[in-house]
Amino acid sequence: MAYKRLFFSFFLFFFTLKVTPSKSHAVYVSVCNVYEKNGVSFFSMRLFKDDVFDALGLKGYSGGLSEIERKNVVNYIKNNLIVSVDGRKKNLVLDRFVFEGSDYTETANLVFVVEGSLGGKKLSIKNTVLFDVLEEQTNIVGVKISQTKKTLTFNKNKKENWIQVN
């Protein structure tokens, strides 16, 4: 429940900011929710489009991305969000990739899947998304699986964390 409040508080704050279009947003954060449905584990990530574009040197509008540029975004996330279960690295498989919002509040929304349940296992995450371009970046991962509800926070000083899923 705490990660939901944190998630909605951050995004409510972002969408109520009154900033001119020439300025960037004031907070640098990404949010990833981890949950399960029908024996499949989902990693749903949201991050600001302009931050991703800056990290990859992309220009223009999200709707104008080429297929190669879209793959570069996906690969960037996969290279910076490393998931291991019981010490074994898992391959994140893209399920969905869309952009939502507009202007400086537009977000890239990526959903990755990992086959199998995480219940009863040790979930380790290394999350360095956007740390290479934004000094103030914070990444939040909310895990809500079975009886486990926990929020993990990542920043330039803490790039890895783990949780025992019950």
Protein backbone atom coordinates (compact mmCIF):
# COMPACT_ATOMS: atom_id res chain seq x y z
CA MET A 1 0.00 0.00 0.00
CA ALA A 2 2.87 2.36 0.80
CA TYR A 3 4.37 2.06 -2.67
CA LYS A 4 0.98 2.92 -4.23
CA ARG A 5 0.74 6.08 -2.14
CA LEU A 6 4.31 6.98 -3.02
CA PHE A 7 3.73 6.30 -6.72
CA PHE A 8 0.54 8.35 -6.87
CA SER A 9 2.05 11.14 -4.77
CA PHE A 10 5.00 11.48 -7.14
CA PHE A 11 2.88 11.43 -10.28
CA LEU A 12 0.22 13.73 -8.81
CA PHE A 13 3.03 16.17 -8.01
CA PHE A 14 4.41 15.91 -11.56
CA PHE A 15 1.09 16.53 -13.24
CA THR A 16 0.24 19.53 -11.07
CA LEU A 17 3.50 21.36 -11.77
CA LYS A 18 3.11 24.60 -13.68
CA VAL A 19 6.28 24.94 -15.70
CA THR A 20 6.77 26.64 -19.01
CA PRO A 21 7.34 24.27 -21.94
CA SER A 22 10.93 25.45 -22.30
CA LYS A 23 11.80 24.17 -18.82
CA SER A 24 12.28 20.58 -17.75
CA HIS A 25 10.47 18.92 -14.86
CA ALA A 26 11.83 19.46 -11.36
CA VAL A 27 11.98 15.89 -10.05
CA TYR A 28 13.93 13.03 -11.63
CA VAL A 29 12.29 9.74 -10.78
CA SER A 30 11.24 6.48 -12.37
CA VAL A 31 8.71 4.08 -10.90
CA CYS A 32 8.59 0.33 -11.47
CA ASN A 33 5.78 -1.83 -10.11
CA VAL A 34 6.38 -5.56 -9.76
CA TYR A 35 3.31 -7.80 -9.58
CA GLU A 36 2.06 -11.20 -10.66
CA LYS A 37 -0.91 -12.34 -12.67
CA ASN A 38 -1.70 -15.92 -13.71
CA GLY A 39 1.78 -17.23 -12.88
CA VAL A 40 3.58 -14.48 -14.80
CA SER A 41 5.65 -11.75 -13.13
CA PHE A 42 5.31 -8.22 -14.51
CA PHE A 43 7.74 -5.31 -14.21
CA SER A 44 5.85 -2.15 -15.20
CA MET A 45 8.13 0.88 -15.52
CA ARG A 46 7.30 4.55 -16.02
CA LEU A 47 9.87 7.25 -16.63
CA PHE A 48 9.92 10.69 -18.16
CA LYS A 49 10.26 10.69 -21.94
CA ASP A 50 12.61 13.68 -22.04
CA ASP A 51 15.01 11.97 -19.63
CA VAL A 52 15.16 8.84 -21.77
CA PHE A 53 15.59 10.95 -24.90
CA ASP A 54 18.47 12.83 -23.23
CA ALA A 55 20.11 9.56 -22.19
CA LEU A 56 19.97 8.17 -25.72
CA GLY A 57 20.47 11.40 -27.68
CA LEU A 58 17.01 11.17 -29.27
CA LYS A 59 15.23 14.21 -30.70
CA GLY A 60 11.67 15.01 -31.69
CA TYR A 61 8.36 13.56 -30.63
CA SER A 62 7.70 10.15 -29.14
CA GLY A 63 5.32 9.32 -31.99
CA GLY A 64 8.10 9.87 -34.50
CA LEU A 65 10.51 7.27 -33.13
CA SER A 66 11.80 4.76 -35.63
CA GLU A 67 11.67 1.05 -34.84
CA ILE A 68 15.42 1.10 -34.20
CA GLU A 69 15.07 4.01 -31.75
CA ARG A 70 12.24 2.18 -29.93
CA LYS A 71 14.48 -0.90 -29.65
CA ASN A 72 17.27 1.31 -28.30
CA VAL A 73 14.94 2.57 -25.55
CA VAL A 74 13.93 -0.99 -24.64
CA ASN A 75 17.54 -2.19 -24.64
CA TYR A 76 18.63 0.78 -22.52
CA ILE A 77 16.04 -0.13 -19.87
CA LYS A 78 16.90 -3.84 -20.03
CA ASN A 79 20.63 -3.05 -19.65
CA ASN A 80 19.95 -0.86 -16.61
CA LEU A 81 17.23 -2.88 -14.87
CA ILE A 82 18.86 -6.19 -13.97
CA VAL A 83 16.60 -8.74 -12.31
CA SER A 84 17.82 -11.94 -10.64
CA VAL A 85 15.73 -14.60 -8.95
CA ASP A 86 17.49 -16.87 -6.45
CA GLY A 87 20.82 -15.72 -7.90
CA ARG A 88 19.93 -16.35 -11.55
CA LYS A 89 19.67 -13.43 -13.94
CA LYS A 90 16.30 -13.26 -15.69
CA ASN A 91 15.60 -12.03 -19.19
CA LEU A 92 13.00 -9.27 -19.24
CA VAL A 93 10.70 -9.80 -22.22
CA LEU A 94 8.90 -6.70 -23.51
CA ASP A 95 5.12 -7.00 -23.25
CA ARG A 96 4.09 -3.39 -23.93
CA PHE A 97 5.67 -0.02 -24.74
CA VAL A 98 3.63 3.18 -24.99
CA PHE A 99 4.01 6.90 -24.30
CA GLU A 100 1.41 8.75 -22.25
CA GLY A 101 0.87 12.40 -21.44
CA SER A 102 2.25 15.41 -23.23
CA ASP A 103 4.97 18.03 -23.09
CA TYR A 104 7.32 17.83 -20.11
CA THR A 105 5.11 15.33 -18.24
CA GLU A 106 5.07 12.71 -21.01
CA THR A 107 6.13 9.31 -19.74
CA ALA A 108 7.51 6.21 -21.39
CA ASN A 109 5.63 3.18 -20.07
CA LEU A 110 7.26 -0.20 -20.55
CA VAL A 111 5.95 -3.50 -19.24
CA PHE A 112 8.27 -6.50 -19.11
CA VAL A 113 7.41 -10.07 -18.17
CA VAL A 114 9.31 -12.90 -16.57
CA GLU A 115 7.78 -16.36 -16.74
CA GLY A 116 6.99 -17.99 -13.43
CA SER A 117 6.10 -16.89 -9.96
CA LEU A 118 8.49 -15.03 -7.68
CA GLY A 119 6.75 -16.37 -4.55
CA GLY A 120 9.10 -17.92 -2.02
CA LYS A 121 12.15 -16.63 -3.87
CA LYS A 122 14.83 -13.99 -3.41
CA LEU A 123 14.31 -11.15 -5.90
CA SER A 124 17.44 -9.08 -6.53
CA ILE A 125 17.31 -5.87 -8.54
CA LYS A 126 20.02 -3.61 -9.86
CA ASN A 127 18.41 -0.41 -11.12
CA THR A 128 20.73 2.16 -12.72
CA VAL A 129 18.19 3.65 -15.14
CA LEU A 130 19.19 7.24 -15.98
CA PHE A 131 22.01 7.37 -13.41
CA ASP A 132 24.43 7.90 -16.30
CA VAL A 133 22.80 11.20 -17.28
CA LEU A 134 21.01 12.57 -14.19
CA GLU A 135 22.86 13.16 -10.94
CA GLU A 136 19.59 13.61 -8.98
CA GLN A 137 17.82 10.53 -10.41
CA THR A 138 15.88 8.29 -8.00
CA ASN A 139 14.34 4.99 -9.03
CA ILE A 140 11.53 3.43 -7.03
CA VAL A 141 10.50 -0.21 -7.30
CA GLY A 142 7.27 -1.27 -5.60
CA VAL A 143 6.83 -5.01 -5.12
CA LYS A 144 3.35 -6.35 -4.47
CA ILE A 145 3.30 -10.13 -4.74
CA SER A 146 1.20 -12.36 -2.50
CA GLN A 147 1.83 -11.23 1.09
CA THR A 148 4.90 -9.18 0.17
CA LYS A 149 4.41 -5.44 -0.18
CA LYS A 150 7.62 -3.43 -0.15
CA THR A 151 9.13 -0.36 -1.74
CA LEU A 152 12.78 -0.32 -2.78
CA THR A 153 14.57 2.94 -3.55
CA PHE A 154 17.63 3.29 -5.77
CA ASN A 155 19.94 6.26 -6.27
CA LYS A 156 23.55 6.92 -7.27
CA ASN A 157 24.71 5.63 -3.87
CA LYS A 158 22.44 2.57 -3.74
CA LYS A 159 22.09 0.81 -7.07
CA GLU A 160 21.23 -2.70 -5.86
CA ASN A 161 18.69 -4.14 -3.47
CA TRP A 162 16.87 -7.39 -2.82
CA ILE A 163 13.73 -8.70 -1.21
CA GLN A 164 12.55 -12.12 -0.07
CA VAL A 165 9.15 -12.65 -1.65
CA ASN A 166 6.73 -14.60 0.55
